[in-house]
Amino acid sequence: MNHAVLFVCLGNICRSPLAEGVFRTLVEEAGQTGRFTVESAGTGAWHIGNPPDPRSIDVAARHGLDISAQRARQVCTEDFHRFDTIVAMDRDNLETLKFRTAGGSARIRLLLNAPERDVPDPYYGGPDGFDHVLRLVRAGCVDLLDSLTGAGQPRSGAPQGS
């Protein structure tokens, strides 16, 4: 059974490409590659066709992830039918997705449960913001994969002592 997961932020160049890269890596490490389809998109159209922000590419590379080949795209109506789970990086994008649902069957949820429910947009900040986002995304992706596979064991990608 294949479970399709779509990660969504505003422009699809900072947070959601990181989440796609982290989740894809966690899936591979868990030996679950054939069980998941993983993509990312943005609610906005400003960056369609562009690679991730260079700061996202850099922070990903420093953690052994290559997201440089990803290209931004905008969420479309078909996504709500094609994906099983659509994961918003923050409450604003969650509300936008719920508004655009178009009767699809996808489960729409936030990446983080608590304590910080939103993954902050690092676009206008410095490199430290991207490091913070990667830590939040990794923790959220570990929890998401555990919930989708029914596992409760820590994975090698889990943050330690954060």
Protein backbone atom coordinates (compact mmCIF):
# COMPACT_ATOMS: atom_id res chain seq x y z
CA MET A 1 0.00 0.00 0.00
CA ASN A 2 1.39 3.39 -0.99
CA HIS A 3 0.67 6.41 1.18
CA ALA A 4 1.11 9.75 -0.59
CA VAL A 5 2.28 12.69 1.56
CA LEU A 6 2.41 16.33 0.43
CA PHE A 7 4.23 18.95 2.53
CA VAL A 8 2.99 22.52 2.07
CA CYS A 9 4.28 25.97 2.98
CA LEU A 10 3.69 29.37 1.42
CA GLY A 11 6.14 29.49 -1.49
CA ASN A 12 7.57 25.95 -1.57
CA ILE A 13 11.17 27.15 -1.37
CA CYS A 14 12.04 27.04 2.37
CA ARG A 15 10.08 24.84 4.76
CA SER A 16 8.23 22.31 2.62
CA PRO A 17 11.28 21.36 0.50
CA LEU A 18 13.16 20.70 3.75
CA ALA A 19 10.26 18.60 5.04
CA GLU A 20 10.14 16.65 1.76
CA GLY A 21 13.87 15.94 1.96
CA VAL A 22 13.83 15.00 5.64
CA PHE A 23 10.76 12.78 5.34
CA ARG A 24 12.08 11.04 2.22
CA THR A 25 15.34 10.28 4.06
CA LEU A 26 13.53 8.98 7.15
CA VAL A 27 11.39 6.75 4.93
CA GLU A 28 14.53 5.37 3.24
CA GLU A 29 16.26 4.80 6.60
CA ALA A 30 13.18 2.94 7.84
CA GLY A 31 13.21 0.67 4.77
CA GLN A 32 9.78 1.99 3.77
CA THR A 33 10.62 3.58 0.39
CA GLY A 34 8.05 1.60 -1.59
CA ARG A 35 5.30 2.50 0.86
CA PHE A 36 5.41 6.28 0.41
CA THR A 37 5.15 8.94 -2.27
CA VAL A 38 6.59 12.24 -0.99
CA GLU A 39 6.29 15.69 -2.56
CA SER A 40 6.03 19.33 -1.57
CA ALA A 41 4.14 22.39 -2.83
CA GLY A 42 3.24 25.94 -1.89
CA THR A 43 -0.07 27.69 -1.48
CA GLY A 44 1.35 30.67 -3.39
CA ALA A 45 2.54 30.83 -6.99
CA TRP A 46 5.49 33.25 -6.70
CA HIS A 47 8.28 30.68 -7.02
CA ILE A 48 6.86 28.07 -9.43
CA GLY A 49 9.71 26.28 -11.19
CA ASN A 50 12.41 27.67 -8.89
CA PRO A 51 14.78 25.56 -6.79
CA PRO A 52 14.62 25.79 -3.01
CA ASP A 53 16.05 28.88 -1.33
CA PRO A 54 19.88 28.61 -1.26
CA ARG A 55 19.76 28.74 2.56
CA SER A 56 17.45 25.69 2.62
CA ILE A 57 19.75 23.86 0.21
CA ASP A 58 22.73 24.77 2.44
CA VAL A 59 21.21 23.69 5.76
CA ALA A 60 19.97 20.47 4.15
CA ALA A 61 23.42 19.73 2.70
CA ARG A 62 25.05 20.31 6.10
CA HIS A 63 22.78 17.54 7.41
CA GLY A 64 23.43 15.13 4.54
CA LEU A 65 20.32 15.93 2.49
CA ASP A 66 20.31 16.99 -1.15
CA ILE A 67 17.18 18.98 -2.02
CA SER A 68 18.77 20.97 -4.85
CA ALA A 69 16.87 19.15 -7.62
CA GLN A 70 13.44 20.01 -6.18
CA ARG A 71 11.38 22.65 -8.00
CA ALA A 72 8.62 24.74 -6.49
CA ARG A 73 5.04 24.19 -7.53
CA GLN A 74 1.68 25.39 -6.33
CA VAL A 75 -0.94 23.19 -4.69
CA CYS A 76 -3.65 22.27 -7.20
CA THR A 77 -7.14 20.78 -6.90
CA GLU A 78 -5.88 17.34 -7.97
CA ASP A 79 -3.58 17.23 -4.92
CA PHE A 80 -6.57 16.90 -2.60
CA HIS A 81 -7.51 13.68 -4.42
CA ARG A 82 -4.02 12.35 -5.17
CA PHE A 83 -2.49 12.64 -1.70
CA ASP A 84 -3.58 10.76 1.41
CA THR A 85 -2.04 13.25 3.82
CA ILE A 86 -1.35 16.94 3.21
CA VAL A 87 0.89 18.46 5.85
CA ALA A 88 0.87 22.22 6.42
CA MET A 89 3.86 23.94 7.97
CA ASP A 90 1.73 26.51 9.81
CA ARG A 91 -1.84 27.40 10.72
CA ASP A 92 -2.17 30.05 7.99
CA ASN A 93 -1.35 27.53 5.26
CA LEU A 94 -3.56 24.95 6.99
CA GLU A 95 -6.53 27.32 6.74
CA THR A 96 -5.73 28.06 3.09
CA LEU A 97 -5.63 24.34 2.34
CA LYS A 98 -8.92 23.71 4.14
CA PHE A 99 -10.51 26.51 2.12
CA ARG A 100 -9.24 25.00 -1.15
CA THR A 101 -10.04 21.37 -0.32
CA ALA A 102 -12.49 20.95 -3.22
CA GLY A 103 -14.06 17.84 -1.72
CA GLY A 104 -10.91 15.76 -1.84
CA SER A 105 -10.27 12.85 0.47
CA ALA A 106 -6.84 13.96 1.74
CA ARG A 107 -6.33 14.32 5.47
CA ILE A 108 -5.03 17.85 6.08
CA ARG A 109 -2.99 18.43 9.22
CA LEU A 110 -0.20 20.48 10.76
CA LEU A 111 3.30 19.03 10.87
CA LEU A 112 3.81 19.85 14.53
CA ASN A 113 1.51 18.87 17.36
CA ALA A 114 3.16 20.81 20.19
CA PRO A 115 4.60 22.88 21.77
CA GLU A 116 5.26 25.10 18.75
CA ARG A 117 2.42 24.30 16.38
CA ASP A 118 3.79 26.40 13.52
CA VAL A 119 7.07 25.92 11.71
CA PRO A 120 8.11 29.57 11.33
CA ASP A 121 8.91 30.93 7.89
CA PRO A 122 12.67 31.65 7.85
CA TYR A 123 12.63 33.52 4.52
CA TYR A 124 13.25 37.02 5.88
CA GLY A 125 15.69 35.96 8.59
CA GLY A 126 19.24 34.72 8.73
CA PRO A 127 20.81 31.26 8.56
CA ASP A 128 19.99 30.49 12.20
CA GLY A 129 16.30 30.49 11.30
CA PHE A 130 16.89 27.75 8.75
CA ASP A 131 18.75 25.63 11.33
CA HIS A 132 15.81 26.08 13.73
CA VAL A 133 13.33 25.15 10.99
CA LEU A 134 15.28 22.02 10.11
CA ARG A 135 15.23 20.88 13.75
CA LEU A 136 11.45 21.44 13.97
CA VAL A 137 10.84 19.76 10.61
CA ARG A 138 12.94 16.73 11.54
CA ALA A 139 11.06 16.26 14.84
CA GLY A 140 7.70 16.65 13.09
CA CYS A 141 8.66 14.24 10.30
CA VAL A 142 9.81 11.60 12.79
CA ASP A 143 6.44 11.84 14.56
CA LEU A 144 4.57 11.79 11.25
CA LEU A 145 6.36 8.70 10.00
CA ASP A 146 5.78 6.96 13.32
CA SER A 147 2.07 7.77 13.16
CA LEU A 148 1.77 6.56 9.56
CA THR A 149 3.68 3.33 10.12
CA GLY A 150 2.39 2.61 13.61
CA ALA A 151 5.94 2.63 14.95
CA GLY A 152 6.83 4.22 18.25
CA GLN A 153 10.56 3.64 18.27
CA PRO A 154 13.05 6.49 17.90
CA ARG A 155 14.69 6.66 14.50
CA SER A 156 18.25 7.62 13.67
CA GLY A 157 16.94 10.95 12.34
CA ALA A 158 15.27 11.84 15.63
CA PRO A 159 16.60 14.91 17.40
CA GLN A 160 18.54 14.15 20.53
CA GLY A 161 18.01 16.24 23.64
CA SER A 162 16.25 19.16 21.97
